[in-house]
mmCIF file of all heavy atoms, coordinates in Angstrom:
data_MODEL
# 
_entry.id   MODEL 
# 
loop_
_atom_site.group_PDB 
_atom_site.id 
_atom_site.type_symbol 
_atom_site.label_atom_id 
_atom_site.label_alt_id 
_atom_site.label_comp_id 
_atom_site.label_asym_id 
_atom_site.label_entity_id 
_atom_site.label_seq_id 
_atom_site.pdbx_PDB_ins_code 
_atom_site.Cartn_x 
_atom_site.Cartn_y 
_atom_site.Cartn_z 
_atom_site.occupancy 
_atom_site.B_iso_or_equiv 
_atom_site.pdbx_formal_charge 
_atom_site.auth_seq_id 
_atom_site.auth_comp_id 
_atom_site.auth_asym_id 
_atom_site.auth_atom_id 
_atom_site.pdbx_PDB_model_num 
ATOM 1   N N   . SER A 1 1  ? 0.850  -1.195  0.000  1.00 0.00 ? 1  SER A N   1 
ATOM 2   C CA  . SER A 1 1  ? 0.000  0.000   0.000  1.00 0.00 ? 1  SER A CA  1 
ATOM 3   C C   . SER A 1 1  ? 0.882  1.240   0.000  1.00 0.00 ? 1  SER A C   1 
ATOM 4   O O   . SER A 1 1  ? 2.088  1.151   0.231  1.00 0.00 ? 1  SER A O   1 
ATOM 5   C CB  . SER A 1 1  ? -0.908 0.011   1.239  1.00 0.00 ? 1  SER A CB  1 
ATOM 6   O OG  . SER A 1 1  ? -0.141 0.115   2.422  1.00 0.00 ? 1  SER A OG  1 
ATOM 7   N N   . TRP A 1 2  ? 0.261  2.384   -0.270 1.00 0.00 ? 2  TRP A N   1 
ATOM 8   C CA  . TRP A 1 2  ? 0.983  3.648   -0.261 1.00 0.00 ? 2  TRP A CA  1 
ATOM 9   C C   . TRP A 1 2  ? 0.009  4.786   -0.060 1.00 0.00 ? 2  TRP A C   1 
ATOM 10  O O   . TRP A 1 2  ? -1.188 4.655   -0.315 1.00 0.00 ? 2  TRP A O   1 
ATOM 11  C CB  . TRP A 1 2  ? 1.784  3.857   -1.550 1.00 0.00 ? 2  TRP A CB  1 
ATOM 12  C CG  . TRP A 1 2  ? 0.971  3.789   -2.800 1.00 0.00 ? 2  TRP A CG  1 
ATOM 13  C CD1 . TRP A 1 2  ? 0.341  4.823   -3.451 1.00 0.00 ? 2  TRP A CD1 1 
ATOM 14  C CD2 . TRP A 1 2  ? 0.665  2.615   -3.552 1.00 0.00 ? 2  TRP A CD2 1 
ATOM 15  N NE1 . TRP A 1 2  ? -0.326 4.364   -4.564 1.00 0.00 ? 2  TRP A NE1 1 
ATOM 16  C CE2 . TRP A 1 2  ? -0.138 3.001   -4.644 1.00 0.00 ? 2  TRP A CE2 1 
ATOM 17  C CE3 . TRP A 1 2  ? 0.994  1.266   -3.403 1.00 0.00 ? 2  TRP A CE3 1 
ATOM 18  C CZ2 . TRP A 1 2  ? -0.624 2.086   -5.574 1.00 0.00 ? 2  TRP A CZ2 1 
ATOM 19  C CZ3 . TRP A 1 2  ? 0.512  0.360   -4.339 1.00 0.00 ? 2  TRP A CZ3 1 
ATOM 20  C CH2 . TRP A 1 2  ? -0.280 0.786   -5.408 1.00 0.00 ? 2  TRP A CH2 1 
ATOM 21  N N   . GLU A 1 3  ? 0.568  5.886   0.428  1.00 0.00 ? 3  GLU A N   1 
ATOM 22  C CA  . GLU A 1 3  ? -0.195 7.113   0.639  1.00 0.00 ? 3  GLU A CA  1 
ATOM 23  C C   . GLU A 1 3  ? 0.599  8.276   0.089  1.00 0.00 ? 3  GLU A C   1 
ATOM 24  O O   . GLU A 1 3  ? 1.834  8.262   0.108  1.00 0.00 ? 3  GLU A O   1 
ATOM 25  C CB  . GLU A 1 3  ? -0.443 7.350   2.132  1.00 0.00 ? 3  GLU A CB  1 
ATOM 26  C CG  . GLU A 1 3  ? -1.318 6.329   2.794  1.00 0.00 ? 3  GLU A CG  1 
ATOM 27  C CD  . GLU A 1 3  ? -1.478 6.577   4.296  1.00 0.00 ? 3  GLU A CD  1 
ATOM 28  O OE1 . GLU A 1 3  ? -0.866 7.537   4.827  1.00 0.00 ? 3  GLU A OE1 1 
ATOM 29  O OE2 . GLU A 1 3  ? -2.217 5.814   4.923  1.00 0.00 ? 3  GLU A OE2 1 
ATOM 30  N N   . VAL A 1 4  ? -0.128 9.282   -0.386 1.00 0.00 ? 4  VAL A N   1 
ATOM 31  C CA  . VAL A 1 4  ? 0.489  10.503  -0.892 1.00 0.00 ? 4  VAL A CA  1 
ATOM 32  C C   . VAL A 1 4  ? -0.035 11.652  -0.038 1.00 0.00 ? 4  VAL A C   1 
ATOM 33  O O   . VAL A 1 4  ? -1.241 11.749  0.196  1.00 0.00 ? 4  VAL A O   1 
ATOM 34  C CB  . VAL A 1 4  ? 0.148  10.732  -2.381 1.00 0.00 ? 4  VAL A CB  1 
ATOM 35  C CG1 . VAL A 1 4  ? 0.830  11.980  -2.905 1.00 0.00 ? 4  VAL A CG1 1 
ATOM 36  C CG2 . VAL A 1 4  ? 0.511  9.511   -3.217 1.00 0.00 ? 4  VAL A CG2 1 
ATOM 37  N N   . SER A 1 5  ? 0.858  12.512  0.418  1.00 0.00 ? 5  SER A N   1 
ATOM 38  C CA  . SER A 1 5  ? 0.448  13.655  1.241  1.00 0.00 ? 5  SER A CA  1 
ATOM 39  C C   . SER A 1 5  ? -0.424 14.608  0.428  1.00 0.00 ? 5  SER A C   1 
ATOM 40  O O   . SER A 1 5  ? -0.386 14.612  -0.807 1.00 0.00 ? 5  SER A O   1 
ATOM 41  C CB  . SER A 1 5  ? 1.668  14.403  1.779  1.00 0.00 ? 5  SER A CB  1 
ATOM 42  O OG  . SER A 1 5  ? 2.418  14.961  0.717  1.00 0.00 ? 5  SER A OG  1 
ATOM 43  N N   . ALA A 1 6  ? -1.187 15.408  1.119  1.00 0.00 ? 6  ALA A N   1 
ATOM 44  C CA  . ALA A 1 6  ? -2.094 16.360  0.462  1.00 0.00 ? 6  ALA A CA  1 
ATOM 45  C C   . ALA A 1 6  ? -1.357 17.316  -0.463 1.00 0.00 ? 6  ALA A C   1 
ATOM 46  O O   . ALA A 1 6  ? -1.881 17.702  -1.512 1.00 0.00 ? 6  ALA A O   1 
ATOM 47  C CB  . ALA A 1 6  ? -2.887 17.142  1.507  1.00 0.00 ? 6  ALA A CB  1 
ATOM 48  N N   . ASP A 1 7  ? -0.123 17.686  -0.092 1.00 0.00 ? 7  ASP A N   1 
ATOM 49  C CA  . ASP A 1 7  ? 0.639  18.608  -0.943 1.00 0.00 ? 7  ASP A CA  1 
ATOM 50  C C   . ASP A 1 7  ? 1.396  17.895  -2.068 1.00 0.00 ? 7  ASP A C   1 
ATOM 51  O O   . ASP A 1 7  ? 2.066  18.527  -2.880 1.00 0.00 ? 7  ASP A O   1 
ATOM 52  C CB  . ASP A 1 7  ? 1.591  19.469  -0.114 1.00 0.00 ? 7  ASP A CB  1 
ATOM 53  C CG  . ASP A 1 7  ? 2.715  18.677  0.546  1.00 0.00 ? 7  ASP A CG  1 
ATOM 54  O OD1 . ASP A 1 7  ? 2.795  17.441  0.381  1.00 0.00 ? 7  ASP A OD1 1 
ATOM 55  O OD2 . ASP A 1 7  ? 3.520  19.308  1.253  1.00 0.00 ? 7  ASP A OD2 1 
ATOM 56  N N   . GLY A 1 8  ? 1.298  16.560  -2.130 1.00 0.00 ? 8  GLY A N   1 
ATOM 57  C CA  . GLY A 1 8  ? 1.926  15.794  -3.208 1.00 0.00 ? 8  GLY A CA  1 
ATOM 58  C C   . GLY A 1 8  ? 3.442  15.703  -3.109 1.00 0.00 ? 8  GLY A C   1 
ATOM 59  O O   . GLY A 1 8  ? 4.102  15.310  -4.070 1.00 0.00 ? 8  GLY A O   1 
ATOM 60  N N   . LYS A 1 9  ? 4.004  16.001  -1.938 1.00 0.00 ? 9  LYS A N   1 
ATOM 61  C CA  . LYS A 1 9  ? 5.458  15.995  -1.788 1.00 0.00 ? 9  LYS A CA  1 
ATOM 62  C C   . LYS A 1 9  ? 5.998  14.824  -0.960 1.00 0.00 ? 9  LYS A C   1 
ATOM 63  O O   . LYS A 1 9  ? 7.210  14.645  -0.886 1.00 0.00 ? 9  LYS A O   1 
ATOM 64  C CB  . LYS A 1 9  ? 5.923  17.317  -1.172 1.00 0.00 ? 9  LYS A CB  1 
ATOM 65  C CG  . LYS A 1 9  ? 5.720  18.506  -2.111 1.00 0.00 ? 9  LYS A CG  1 
ATOM 66  C CD  . LYS A 1 9  ? 6.026  19.834  -1.451 1.00 0.00 ? 9  LYS A CD  1 
ATOM 67  C CE  . LYS A 1 9  ? 7.462  19.958  -1.068 1.00 0.00 ? 9  LYS A CE  1 
ATOM 68  N NZ  . LYS A 1 9  ? 7.791  21.297  -0.519 1.00 0.00 ? 9  LYS A NZ  1 
ATOM 69  N N   . VAL A 1 10 ? 5.108  14.044  -0.356 1.00 0.00 ? 10 VAL A N   1 
ATOM 70  C CA  . VAL A 1 10 ? 5.553  12.916  0.468  1.00 0.00 ? 10 VAL A CA  1 
ATOM 71  C C   . VAL A 1 10 ? 4.792  11.662  0.035  1.00 0.00 ? 10 VAL A C   1 
ATOM 72  O O   . VAL A 1 10 ? 3.557  11.649  0.042  1.00 0.00 ? 10 VAL A O   1 
ATOM 73  C CB  . VAL A 1 10 ? 5.330  13.193  1.972  1.00 0.00 ? 10 VAL A CB  1 
ATOM 74  C CG1 . VAL A 1 10 ? 5.790  11.993  2.804  1.00 0.00 ? 10 VAL A CG1 1 
ATOM 75  C CG2 . VAL A 1 10 ? 6.052  14.455  2.407  1.00 0.00 ? 10 VAL A CG2 1 
ATOM 76  N N   . TYR A 1 11 ? 5.544  10.633  -0.320 1.00 0.00 ? 11 TYR A N   1 
ATOM 77  C CA  . TYR A 1 11 ? 4.986  9.340   -0.715 1.00 0.00 ? 11 TYR A CA  1 
ATOM 78  C C   . TYR A 1 11 ? 5.469  8.304   0.296  1.00 0.00 ? 11 TYR A C   1 
ATOM 79  O O   . TYR A 1 11 ? 6.677  8.127   0.479  1.00 0.00 ? 11 TYR A O   1 
ATOM 80  C CB  . TYR A 1 11 ? 5.459  8.941   -2.113 1.00 0.00 ? 11 TYR A CB  1 
ATOM 81  C CG  . TYR A 1 11 ? 4.806  9.725   -3.221 1.00 0.00 ? 11 TYR A CG  1 
ATOM 82  C CD1 . TYR A 1 11 ? 5.114  11.067  -3.442 1.00 0.00 ? 11 TYR A CD1 1 
ATOM 83  C CD2 . TYR A 1 11 ? 3.875  9.124   -4.063 1.00 0.00 ? 11 TYR A CD2 1 
ATOM 84  C CE1 . TYR A 1 11 ? 4.513  11.789  -4.453 1.00 0.00 ? 11 TYR A CE1 1 
ATOM 85  C CE2 . TYR A 1 11 ? 3.267  9.840   -5.084 1.00 0.00 ? 11 TYR A CE2 1 
ATOM 86  C CZ  . TYR A 1 11 ? 3.593  11.168  -5.272 1.00 0.00 ? 11 TYR A CZ  1 
ATOM 87  O OH  . TYR A 1 11 ? 2.992  11.889  -6.279 1.00 0.00 ? 11 TYR A OH  1 
ATOM 88  N N   . THR A 1 12 ? 4.527  7.634   0.951  1.00 0.00 ? 12 THR A N   1 
ATOM 89  C CA  . THR A 1 12 ? 4.858  6.656   1.980  1.00 0.00 ? 12 THR A CA  1 
ATOM 90  C C   . THR A 1 12 ? 4.358  5.286   1.548  1.00 0.00 ? 12 THR A C   1 
ATOM 91  O O   . THR A 1 12 ? 3.170  5.126   1.239  1.00 0.00 ? 12 THR A O   1 
ATOM 92  C CB  . THR A 1 12 ? 4.230  7.057   3.331  1.00 0.00 ? 12 THR A CB  1 
ATOM 93  O OG1 . THR A 1 12 ? 4.639  8.394   3.644  1.00 0.00 ? 12 THR A OG1 1 
ATOM 94  C CG2 . THR A 1 12 ? 4.656  6.105   4.435  1.00 0.00 ? 12 THR A CG2 1 
ATOM 95  N N   . PHE A 1 13 ? 5.264  4.311   1.537  1.00 0.00 ? 13 PHE A N   1 
ATOM 96  C CA  . PHE A 1 13 ? 4.963  2.955   1.080  1.00 0.00 ? 13 PHE A CA  1 
ATOM 97  C C   . PHE A 1 13 ? 5.101  1.968   2.226  1.00 0.00 ? 13 PHE A C   1 
ATOM 98  O O   . PHE A 1 13 ? 6.064  2.028   2.991  1.00 0.00 ? 13 PHE A O   1 
ATOM 99  C CB  . PHE A 1 13 ? 5.918  2.537   -0.037 1.00 0.00 ? 13 PHE A CB  1 
ATOM 100 C CG  . PHE A 1 13 ? 5.758  3.340   -1.280 1.00 0.00 ? 13 PHE A CG  1 
ATOM 101 C CD1 . PHE A 1 13 ? 6.414  4.546   -1.436 1.00 0.00 ? 13 PHE A CD1 1 
ATOM 102 C CD2 . PHE A 1 13 ? 4.942  2.891   -2.307 1.00 0.00 ? 13 PHE A CD2 1 
ATOM 103 C CE1 . PHE A 1 13 ? 6.262  5.297   -2.591 1.00 0.00 ? 13 PHE A CE1 1 
ATOM 104 C CE2 . PHE A 1 13 ? 4.776  3.636   -3.467 1.00 0.00 ? 13 PHE A CE2 1 
ATOM 105 C CZ  . PHE A 1 13 ? 5.444  4.846   -3.606 1.00 0.00 ? 13 PHE A CZ  1 
ATOM 106 N N   . LYS A 1 14 ? 4.141  1.056   2.331  1.00 0.00 ? 14 LYS A N   1 
ATOM 107 C CA  . LYS A 1 14 ? 4.212  -0.068  3.269  1.00 0.00 ? 14 LYS A CA  1 
ATOM 108 C C   . LYS A 1 14 ? 4.595  -1.292  2.450  1.00 0.00 ? 14 LYS A C   1 
ATOM 109 O O   . LYS A 1 14 ? 3.937  -1.630  1.456  1.00 0.00 ? 14 LYS A O   1 
ATOM 110 C CB  . LYS A 1 14 ? 2.864  -0.313  3.945  1.00 0.00 ? 14 LYS A CB  1 
ATOM 111 C CG  . LYS A 1 14 ? 2.461  0.757   4.916  1.00 0.00 ? 14 LYS A CG  1 
ATOM 112 C CD  . LYS A 1 14 ? 3.260  0.669   6.187  1.00 0.00 ? 14 LYS A CD  1 
ATOM 113 C CE  . LYS A 1 14 ? 2.723  1.659   7.210  1.00 0.00 ? 14 LYS A CE  1 
ATOM 114 N NZ  . LYS A 1 14 ? 3.515  1.671   8.409  1.00 0.00 ? 14 LYS A NZ  1 
ATOM 115 N N   . LEU A 1 15 ? 5.659  -1.968  2.877  1.00 0.00 ? 15 LEU A N   1 
ATOM 116 C CA  . LEU A 1 15 ? 6.154  -3.148  2.169  1.00 0.00 ? 15 LEU A CA  1 
ATOM 117 C C   . LEU A 1 15 ? 5.528  -4.425  2.723  1.00 0.00 ? 15 LEU A C   1 
ATOM 118 O O   . LEU A 1 15 ? 5.121  -4.475  3.879  1.00 0.00 ? 15 LEU A O   1 
ATOM 119 C CB  . LEU A 1 15 ? 7.675  -3.243  2.321  1.00 0.00 ? 15 LEU A CB  1 
ATOM 120 C CG  . LEU A 1 15 ? 8.491  -2.018  1.930  1.00 0.00 ? 15 LEU A CG  1 
ATOM 121 C CD1 . LEU A 1 15 ? 9.963  -2.256  2.250  1.00 0.00 ? 15 LEU A CD1 1 
ATOM 122 C CD2 . LEU A 1 15 ? 8.299  -1.692  0.470  1.00 0.00 ? 15 LEU A CD2 1 
ATOM 123 N N   . TYR A 1 16 ? 5.515  -5.447  1.896  1.00 0.00 ? 16 TYR A N   1 
ATOM 124 C CA  . TYR A 1 16 ? 5.151  -6.775  2.381  1.00 0.00 ? 16 TYR A CA  1 
ATOM 125 C C   . TYR A 1 16 ? 6.239  -7.248  3.339  1.00 0.00 ? 16 TYR A C   1 
ATOM 126 O O   . TYR A 1 16 ? 7.415  -6.905  3.180  1.00 0.00 ? 16 TYR A O   1 
ATOM 127 C CB  . TYR A 1 16 ? 5.032  -7.765  1.219  1.00 0.00 ? 16 TYR A CB  1 
ATOM 128 C CG  . TYR A 1 16 ? 3.781  -7.576  0.405  1.00 0.00 ? 16 TYR A CG  1 
ATOM 129 C CD1 . TYR A 1 16 ? 3.821  -6.898  -0.812 1.00 0.00 ? 16 TYR A CD1 1 
ATOM 130 C CD2 . TYR A 1 16 ? 2.561  -8.079  0.839  1.00 0.00 ? 16 TYR A CD2 1 
ATOM 131 C CE1 . TYR A 1 16 ? 2.670  -6.722  -1.566 1.00 0.00 ? 16 TYR A CE1 1 
ATOM 132 C CE2 . TYR A 1 16 ? 1.407  -7.914  0.094  1.00 0.00 ? 16 TYR A CE2 1 
ATOM 133 C CZ  . TYR A 1 16 ? 1.468  -7.231  -1.111 1.00 0.00 ? 16 TYR A CZ  1 
ATOM 134 O OH  . TYR A 1 16 ? 0.331  -7.061  -1.846 1.00 0.00 ? 16 TYR A OH  1 
ATOM 135 N N   . ASP A 1 17 ? 5.863  -8.041  4.317  1.00 0.00 ? 17 ASP A N   1 
ATOM 136 C CA  . ASP A 1 17 ? 6.813  -8.609  5.270  1.00 0.00 ? 17 ASP A CA  1 
ATOM 137 C C   . ASP A 1 17 ? 7.543  -9.807  4.676  1.00 0.00 ? 17 ASP A C   1 
ATOM 138 O O   . ASP A 1 17 ? 7.002  -10.519 3.837  1.00 0.00 ? 17 ASP A O   1 
ATOM 139 C CB  . ASP A 1 17 ? 6.087  -9.101  6.534  1.00 0.00 ? 17 ASP A CB  1 
ATOM 140 C CG  . ASP A 1 17 ? 5.505  -7.973  7.354  1.00 0.00 ? 17 ASP A CG  1 
ATOM 141 O OD1 . ASP A 1 17 ? 6.147  -6.923  7.441  1.00 0.00 ? 17 ASP A OD1 1 
ATOM 142 O OD2 . ASP A 1 17 ? 4.403  -8.167  7.911  1.00 0.00 ? 17 ASP A OD2 1 
ATOM 143 N N   . ASN A 1 18 ? 8.747  -10.024 5.163  1.00 0.00 ? 18 ASN A N   1 
ATOM 144 C CA  . ASN A 1 18 ? 9.508  -11.263 4.919  1.00 0.00 ? 18 ASN A CA  1 
ATOM 145 C C   . ASN A 1 18 ? 9.829  -11.561 3.460  1.00 0.00 ? 18 ASN A C   1 
ATOM 146 O O   . ASN A 1 18 ? 9.937  -12.729 3.088  1.00 0.00 ? 18 ASN A O   1 
ATOM 147 C CB  . ASN A 1 18 ? 8.797  -12.454 5.559  1.00 0.00 ? 18 ASN A CB  1 
ATOM 148 C CG  . ASN A 1 18 ? 8.663  -12.280 7.055  1.00 0.00 ? 18 ASN A CG  1 
ATOM 149 O OD1 . ASN A 1 18 ? 9.604  -11.854 7.715  1.00 0.00 ? 18 ASN A OD1 1 
ATOM 150 N ND2 . ASN A 1 18 ? 7.493  -12.587 7.597  1.00 0.00 ? 18 ASN A ND2 1 
ATOM 151 N N   . ILE A 1 19 ? 9.978  -10.547 2.646  1.00 0.00 ? 19 ILE A N   1 
ATOM 152 C CA  . ILE A 1 19 ? 10.461 -10.769 1.287  1.00 0.00 ? 19 ILE A CA  1 
ATOM 153 C C   . ILE A 1 19 ? 11.978 -10.866 1.374  1.00 0.00 ? 19 ILE A C   1 
ATOM 154 O O   . ILE A 1 19 ? 12.617 -10.075 2.070  1.00 0.00 ? 19 ILE A O   1 
ATOM 155 C CB  . ILE A 1 19 ? 10.052 -9.616  0.353  1.00 0.00 ? 19 ILE A CB  1 
ATOM 156 C CG1 . ILE A 1 19 ? 8.530  -9.560  0.238  1.00 0.00 ? 19 ILE A CG1 1 
ATOM 157 C CG2 . ILE A 1 19 ? 10.703 -9.784  -1.016 1.00 0.00 ? 19 ILE A CG2 1 
ATOM 158 C CD1 . ILE A 1 19 ? 8.020  -8.359  -0.522 1.00 0.00 ? 19 ILE A CD1 1 
ATOM 159 N N   . LYS A 1 20 ? 12.538 -11.839 0.679  1.00 0.00 ? 20 LYS A N   1 
ATOM 160 C CA  . LYS A 1 20 ? 13.989 -12.019 0.747  1.00 0.00 ? 20 LYS A CA  1 
ATOM 161 C C   . LYS A 1 20 ? 14.623 -11.906 -0.628 1.00 0.00 ? 20 LYS A C   1 
ATOM 162 O O   . LYS A 1 20 ? 14.036 -12.283 -1.636 1.00 0.00 ? 20 LYS A O   1 
ATOM 163 C CB  . LYS A 1 20 ? 14.318 -13.376 1.350  1.00 0.00 ? 20 LYS A CB  1 
ATOM 164 C CG  . LYS A 1 20 ? 13.891 -13.430 2.805  1.00 0.00 ? 20 LYS A CG  1 
ATOM 165 C CD  . LYS A 1 20 ? 14.538 -14.531 3.544  1.00 0.00 ? 20 LYS A CD  1 
ATOM 166 C CE  . LYS A 1 20 ? 14.108 -14.425 4.995  1.00 0.00 ? 20 LYS A CE  1 
ATOM 167 N NZ  . LYS A 1 20 ? 14.641 -15.446 5.808  1.00 0.00 ? 20 LYS A NZ  1 
ATOM 168 N N   . PHE A 1 21 ? 15.846 -11.377 -0.615 1.00 0.00 ? 21 PHE A N   1 
ATOM 169 C CA  . PHE A 1 21 ? 16.663 -11.364 -1.814 1.00 0.00 ? 21 PHE A CA  1 
ATOM 170 C C   . PHE A 1 21 ? 17.181 -12.786 -2.051 1.00 0.00 ? 21 PHE A C   1 
ATOM 171 O O   . PHE A 1 21 ? 17.162 -13.624 -1.144 1.00 0.00 ? 21 PHE A O   1 
ATOM 172 C CB  . PHE A 1 21 ? 17.854 -10.404 -1.645 1.00 0.00 ? 21 PHE A CB  1 
ATOM 173 C CG  . PHE A 1 21 ? 17.471 -8.956  -1.650 1.00 0.00 ? 21 PHE A CG  1 
ATOM 174 C CD1 . PHE A 1 21 ? 17.391 -8.245  -0.465 1.00 0.00 ? 21 PHE A CD1 1 
ATOM 175 C CD2 . PHE A 1 21 ? 17.196 -8.302  -2.839 1.00 0.00 ? 21 PHE A CD2 1 
ATOM 176 C CE1 . PHE A 1 21 ? 17.050 -6.910  -0.470 1.00 0.00 ? 21 PHE A CE1 1 
ATOM 177 C CE2 . PHE A 1 21 ? 16.848 -6.960  -2.853 1.00 0.00 ? 21 PHE A CE2 1 
ATOM 178 C CZ  . PHE A 1 21 ? 16.772 -6.260  -1.667 1.00 0.00 ? 21 PHE A CZ  1 
ATOM 179 N N   . GLN A 1 22 ? 17.661 -13.021 -3.235 1.00 0.00 ? 22 GLN A N   1 
ATOM 180 C CA  . GLN A 1 22 ? 18.167 -14.340 -3.579 1.00 0.00 ? 22 GLN A CA  1 
ATOM 181 C C   . GLN A 1 22 ? 19.408 -14.724 -2.777 1.00 0.00 ? 22 GLN A C   1 
ATOM 182 O O   . GLN A 1 22 ? 19.778 -15.892 -2.736 1.00 0.00 ? 22 GLN A O   1 
ATOM 183 C CB  . GLN A 1 22 ? 18.433 -14.408 -5.084 1.00 0.00 ? 22 GLN A CB  1 
ATOM 184 C CG  . GLN A 1 22 ? 17.145 -14.284 -5.860 1.00 0.00 ? 22 GLN A CG  1 
ATOM 185 C CD  . GLN A 1 22 ? 17.313 -13.706 -7.237 1.00 0.00 ? 22 GLN A CD  1 
ATOM 186 O OE1 . GLN A 1 22 ? 18.403 -13.356 -7.658 1.00 0.00 ? 22 GLN A OE1 1 
ATOM 187 N NE2 . GLN A 1 22 ? 16.206 -13.578 -7.950 1.00 0.00 ? 22 GLN A NE2 1 
ATOM 188 N N   . ASP A 1 23 ? 20.027 -13.765 -2.080 1.00 0.00 ? 23 ASP A N   1 
ATOM 189 C CA  . ASP A 1 23 ? 21.169 -14.079 -1.208 1.00 0.00 ? 23 ASP A CA  1 
ATOM 190 C C   . ASP A 1 23 ? 20.718 -14.367 0.217  1.00 0.00 ? 23 ASP A C   1 
ATOM 191 O O   . ASP A 1 23 ? 21.534 -14.541 1.115  1.00 0.00 ? 23 ASP A O   1 
ATOM 192 C CB  . ASP A 1 23 ? 22.211 -12.958 -1.236 1.00 0.00 ? 23 ASP A CB  1 
ATOM 193 C CG  . ASP A 1 23 ? 21.675 -11.616 -0.761 1.00 0.00 ? 23 ASP A CG  1 
ATOM 194 O OD1 . ASP A 1 23 ? 20.562 -11.545 -0.192 1.00 0.00 ? 23 ASP A OD1 1 
ATOM 195 O OD2 . ASP A 1 23 ? 22.379 -10.608 -0.954 1.00 0.00 ? 23 ASP A OD2 1 
ATOM 196 N N   . GLY A 1 24 ? 19.395 -14.399 0.452  1.00 0.00 ? 24 GLY A N   1 
ATOM 197 C CA  . GLY A 1 24 ? 18.847 -14.743 1.756  1.00 0.00 ? 24 GLY A CA  1 
ATOM 198 C C   . GLY A 1 24 ? 18.599 -13.580 2.683  1.00 0.00 ? 24 GLY A C   1 
ATOM 199 O O   . GLY A 1 24 ? 18.001 -13.742 3.745  1.00 0.00 ? 24 GLY A O   1 
ATOM 200 N N   . THR A 1 25 ? 19.034 -12.375 2.320  1.00 0.00 ? 25 THR A N   1 
ATOM 201 C CA  . THR A 1 25 ? 18.810 -11.211 3.174  1.00 0.00 ? 25 THR A CA  1 
ATOM 202 C C   . THR A 1 25 ? 17.417 -10.647 2.945  1.00 0.00 ? 25 THR A C   1 
ATOM 203 O O   . THR A 1 25 ? 16.807 -10.860 1.895  1.00 0.00 ? 25 THR A O   1 
ATOM 204 C CB  . THR A 1 25 ? 19.874 -10.122 2.937  1.00 0.00 ? 25 THR A CB  1 
ATOM 205 O OG1 . THR A 1 25 ? 19.831 -9.715  1.565  1.00 0.00 ? 25 THR A OG1 1 
ATOM 206 C CG2 . THR A 1 25 ? 21.269 -10.641 3.281  1.00 0.00 ? 25 THR A CG2 1 
ATOM 207 N N   . VAL A 1 26 ? 16.915 -9.931  3.940  1.00 0.00 ? 26 VAL A N   1 
ATOM 208 C CA  . VAL A 1 26 ? 15.555 -9.394  3.899  1.00 0.00 ? 26 VAL A CA  1 
ATOM 209 C C   . VAL A 1 26 ? 15.490 -8.120  3.070  1.00 0.00 ? 26 VAL A C   1 
ATOM 210 O O   . VAL A 1 26 ? 16.351 -7.245  3.178  1.00 0.00 ? 26 VAL A O   1 
ATOM 211 C CB  . VAL A 1 26 ? 15.053 -9.123  5.337  1.00 0.00 ? 26 VAL A CB  1 
ATOM 212 C CG1 . VAL A 1 26 ? 13.679 -8.468  5.326  1.00 0.00 ? 26 VAL A CG1 1 
ATOM 213 C CG2 . VAL A 1 26 ? 14.998 -10.414 6.129  1.00 0.00 ? 26 VAL A CG2 1 
ATOM 214 N N   . CYS A 1 27 ? 14.450 -8.032  2.268  1.00 0.00 ? 27 CYS A N   1 
ATOM 215 C CA  . CYS A 1 27 ? 14.173 -6.803  1.516  1.00 0.00 ? 27 CYS A CA  1 
ATOM 216 C C   . CYS A 1 27 ? 13.216 -5.973  2.369  1.00 0.00 ? 27 CYS A C   1 
ATOM 217 O O   . CYS A 1 27 ? 12.011 -6.191  2.368  1.00 0.00 ? 27 CYS A O   1 
ATOM 218 C CB  . CYS A 1 27 ? 13.552 -7.114  0.159  1.00 0.00 ? 27 CYS A CB  1 
ATOM 219 S SG  . CYS A 1 27 ? 13.176 -5.616  -0.780 1.00 0.00 ? 27 CYS A SG  1 
ATOM 220 N N   . ASP A 1 28 ? 13.788 -5.037  3.106  1.00 0.00 ? 28 ASP A N   1 
ATOM 221 C CA  . ASP A 1 28 ? 13.003 -4.176  3.982  1.00 0.00 ? 28 ASP A CA  1 
ATOM 222 C C   . ASP A 1 28 ? 13.152 -2.722  3.545  1.00 0.00 ? 28 ASP A C   1 
ATOM 223 O O   . ASP A 1 28 ? 13.746 -2.433  2.499  1.00 0.00 ? 28 ASP A O   1 
ATOM 224 C CB  . ASP A 1 28 ? 13.414 -4.385  5.437  1.00 0.00 ? 28 ASP A CB  1 
ATOM 225 C CG  . ASP A 1 28 ? 14.891 -4.101  5.682  1.00 0.00 ? 28 ASP A CG  1 
ATOM 226 O OD1 . ASP A 1 28 ? 15.589 -3.585  4.783  1.00 0.00 ? 28 ASP A OD1 1 
ATOM 227 O OD2 . ASP A 1 28 ? 15.360 -4.402  6.800  1.00 0.00 ? 28 ASP A OD2 1 
# 
């Protein structure tokens, strides 16, 4: 999900949990 501020200058994204890169580290 994501939200955009009323002034259109701030974009905030919520990531899915526990996604991992192919090297095993977390994509946070």
